[in-house]
N, C-alpha and C. Protein backbone atom coordinates (compact mmCIF):
# COMPACT_ATOMS: atom_id res chain seq x y z
N MET A 1 83.36 104.40 94.27
CA MET A 1 84.30 103.53 94.96
C MET A 1 83.55 102.72 96.00
N ASN A 2 83.64 101.42 95.88
CA ASN A 2 82.94 100.52 96.78
C ASN A 2 83.95 99.84 97.69
N LEU A 3 84.12 100.37 98.91
CA LEU A 3 85.10 99.84 99.84
C LEU A 3 84.41 98.92 100.83
N ARG A 4 84.83 97.66 100.85
CA ARG A 4 84.26 96.67 101.76
C ARG A 4 84.97 96.74 103.10
N LEU A 5 84.22 96.80 104.19
CA LEU A 5 84.78 96.84 105.53
C LEU A 5 84.31 95.62 106.31
N GLU A 6 85.18 95.09 107.15
CA GLU A 6 84.83 93.96 108.00
C GLU A 6 85.37 94.19 109.40
N TRP A 7 84.66 93.67 110.39
CA TRP A 7 85.13 93.72 111.76
C TRP A 7 86.25 92.71 111.95
N VAL A 8 87.25 93.08 112.74
CA VAL A 8 88.31 92.14 113.11
C VAL A 8 87.79 91.32 114.27
N LYS A 9 87.89 90.00 114.15
CA LYS A 9 87.43 89.11 115.22
C LYS A 9 88.61 88.67 116.06
N CYS A 10 88.34 88.49 117.34
CA CYS A 10 89.36 88.05 118.29
C CYS A 10 89.80 86.63 117.94
N PRO A 11 91.12 86.38 117.81
CA PRO A 11 91.58 85.03 117.50
C PRO A 11 91.43 84.07 118.68
N ILE A 12 91.17 84.59 119.88
CA ILE A 12 91.02 83.74 121.06
C ILE A 12 89.57 83.29 121.26
N CYS A 13 88.64 84.27 121.31
CA CYS A 13 87.24 83.92 121.60
C CYS A 13 86.33 84.01 120.37
N GLY A 14 86.79 84.66 119.30
CA GLY A 14 85.99 84.73 118.07
C GLY A 14 84.98 85.85 118.01
N ASN A 15 84.89 86.69 119.03
CA ASN A 15 83.94 87.80 119.03
C ASN A 15 84.51 89.01 118.30
N LYS A 16 83.59 89.89 117.86
CA LYS A 16 84.01 91.11 117.18
C LYS A 16 84.75 92.03 118.15
N THR A 17 85.78 92.70 117.63
CA THR A 17 86.50 93.71 118.41
C THR A 17 86.00 95.08 117.96
N ARG A 18 86.65 96.13 118.39
CA ARG A 18 86.23 97.49 118.02
C ARG A 18 86.96 98.00 116.78
N ILE A 19 87.64 97.12 116.07
CA ILE A 19 88.47 97.50 114.92
C ILE A 19 87.81 97.01 113.63
N LYS A 20 87.72 97.90 112.65
CA LYS A 20 87.25 97.53 111.32
C LYS A 20 88.41 97.66 110.35
N ILE A 21 88.48 96.77 109.37
CA ILE A 21 89.53 96.83 108.35
C ILE A 21 88.90 96.84 106.97
N GLY A 22 89.62 97.44 106.04
CA GLY A 22 89.20 97.46 104.65
C GLY A 22 90.10 96.54 103.84
N GLN A 23 89.77 96.39 102.58
CA GLN A 23 90.51 95.50 101.69
C GLN A 23 91.97 95.94 101.53
N ASP A 24 92.22 97.24 101.65
CA ASP A 24 93.58 97.75 101.46
C ASP A 24 94.31 97.98 102.79
N THR A 25 93.75 97.51 103.91
CA THR A 25 94.36 97.70 105.23
C THR A 25 95.54 96.75 105.42
N ILE A 26 96.66 97.31 105.87
CA ILE A 26 97.84 96.50 106.20
C ILE A 26 98.30 96.90 107.60
N MET A 27 98.43 95.90 108.49
CA MET A 27 98.90 96.14 109.85
C MET A 27 100.01 95.14 110.16
N LYS A 28 101.06 95.60 110.77
CA LYS A 28 102.18 94.74 111.19
C LYS A 28 102.34 94.84 112.70
N SER A 29 102.33 93.71 113.37
CA SER A 29 102.48 93.63 114.83
C SER A 29 101.50 94.57 115.55
N PHE A 30 100.24 94.50 115.16
CA PHE A 30 99.20 95.35 115.75
C PHE A 30 98.71 94.72 117.04
N PRO A 31 98.70 95.46 118.16
CA PRO A 31 98.21 94.91 119.43
C PRO A 31 96.68 94.97 119.49
N LEU A 32 96.04 93.86 119.18
CA LEU A 32 94.58 93.77 119.16
C LEU A 32 94.07 93.41 120.55
N PHE A 33 93.19 94.26 121.11
CA PHE A 33 92.60 94.00 122.43
C PHE A 33 91.15 93.61 122.26
N CYS A 34 90.75 92.53 122.91
CA CYS A 34 89.36 92.08 122.87
C CYS A 34 88.65 92.55 124.13
N PRO A 35 87.57 93.35 123.99
CA PRO A 35 86.87 93.84 125.17
C PRO A 35 86.09 92.75 125.90
N LYS A 36 85.81 91.64 125.25
CA LYS A 36 85.05 90.57 125.90
C LYS A 36 85.94 89.66 126.74
N CYS A 37 86.99 89.11 126.13
CA CYS A 37 87.84 88.16 126.88
C CYS A 37 89.02 88.85 127.55
N LYS A 38 89.17 90.17 127.31
CA LYS A 38 90.22 90.99 127.97
C LYS A 38 91.64 90.51 127.65
N GLN A 39 91.83 89.93 126.49
CA GLN A 39 93.14 89.46 126.06
C GLN A 39 93.68 90.37 124.97
N GLU A 40 95.00 90.53 124.93
CA GLU A 40 95.66 91.30 123.88
C GLU A 40 96.52 90.34 123.06
N THR A 41 96.42 90.44 121.74
CA THR A 41 97.14 89.56 120.83
C THR A 41 97.79 90.41 119.75
N LEU A 42 99.03 90.10 119.40
CA LEU A 42 99.69 90.77 118.29
C LEU A 42 99.28 90.08 117.00
N ILE A 43 98.81 90.89 116.02
CA ILE A 43 98.36 90.32 114.75
C ILE A 43 99.00 91.07 113.58
N ASP A 44 99.07 90.38 112.45
CA ASP A 44 99.40 90.98 111.16
C ASP A 44 98.16 90.87 110.29
N VAL A 45 97.84 91.93 109.55
CA VAL A 45 96.66 91.94 108.68
C VAL A 45 97.08 92.40 107.30
N GLU A 46 96.62 91.67 106.28
CA GLU A 46 96.82 92.09 104.90
C GLU A 46 95.76 91.42 104.04
N ARG A 47 94.96 92.24 103.33
CA ARG A 47 93.88 91.75 102.45
C ARG A 47 92.92 90.83 103.19
N PHE A 48 92.43 91.24 104.35
CA PHE A 48 91.49 90.51 105.19
C PHE A 48 92.05 89.23 105.80
N LEU A 49 93.33 88.93 105.58
CA LEU A 49 93.95 87.76 106.20
C LEU A 49 94.59 88.19 107.52
N ILE A 50 94.15 87.56 108.60
CA ILE A 50 94.64 87.90 109.93
C ILE A 50 95.51 86.75 110.43
N LYS A 51 96.75 87.09 110.80
CA LYS A 51 97.70 86.09 111.28
C LYS A 51 98.18 86.52 112.66
N VAL A 52 98.12 85.58 113.62
CA VAL A 52 98.59 85.86 114.97
C VAL A 52 100.11 85.81 114.98
N VAL A 53 100.74 86.90 115.46
CA VAL A 53 102.19 86.96 115.54
C VAL A 53 102.63 86.23 116.81
N GLN A 54 102.04 86.63 117.95
CA GLN A 54 102.31 85.95 119.21
C GLN A 54 101.27 86.42 120.21
N ASP A 55 101.01 85.58 121.21
CA ASP A 55 100.10 85.98 122.28
C ASP A 55 100.92 86.69 123.33
N THR A 56 100.42 87.83 123.80
CA THR A 56 101.13 88.56 124.83
C THR A 56 100.61 88.14 126.20
N GLU A 57 101.47 88.12 127.16
CA GLU A 57 101.10 87.76 128.52
C GLU A 57 100.43 88.96 129.20
N PRO A 58 99.41 88.74 129.99
CA PRO A 58 98.82 89.86 130.72
C PRO A 58 99.75 90.42 131.77
N ASP A 59 99.65 91.71 132.02
CA ASP A 59 100.49 92.33 133.04
C ASP A 59 100.10 91.83 134.43
N ALA A 60 101.10 91.52 135.24
CA ALA A 60 100.82 90.98 136.57
C ALA A 60 100.60 92.06 137.59
């Protein structure tokens, strides 16, 4: 079994996050946090396609 894995990149700054996904990974409204730009974004993932659901506001 040859499972391909890829790093999820931040939709804001484009850097790698700490999350890896496989070809069969499905995520709905996943809160993705970027350690570099310190932003959190809700994403949907299916078959390596990453779609931004909405940008969340930082806590004040």
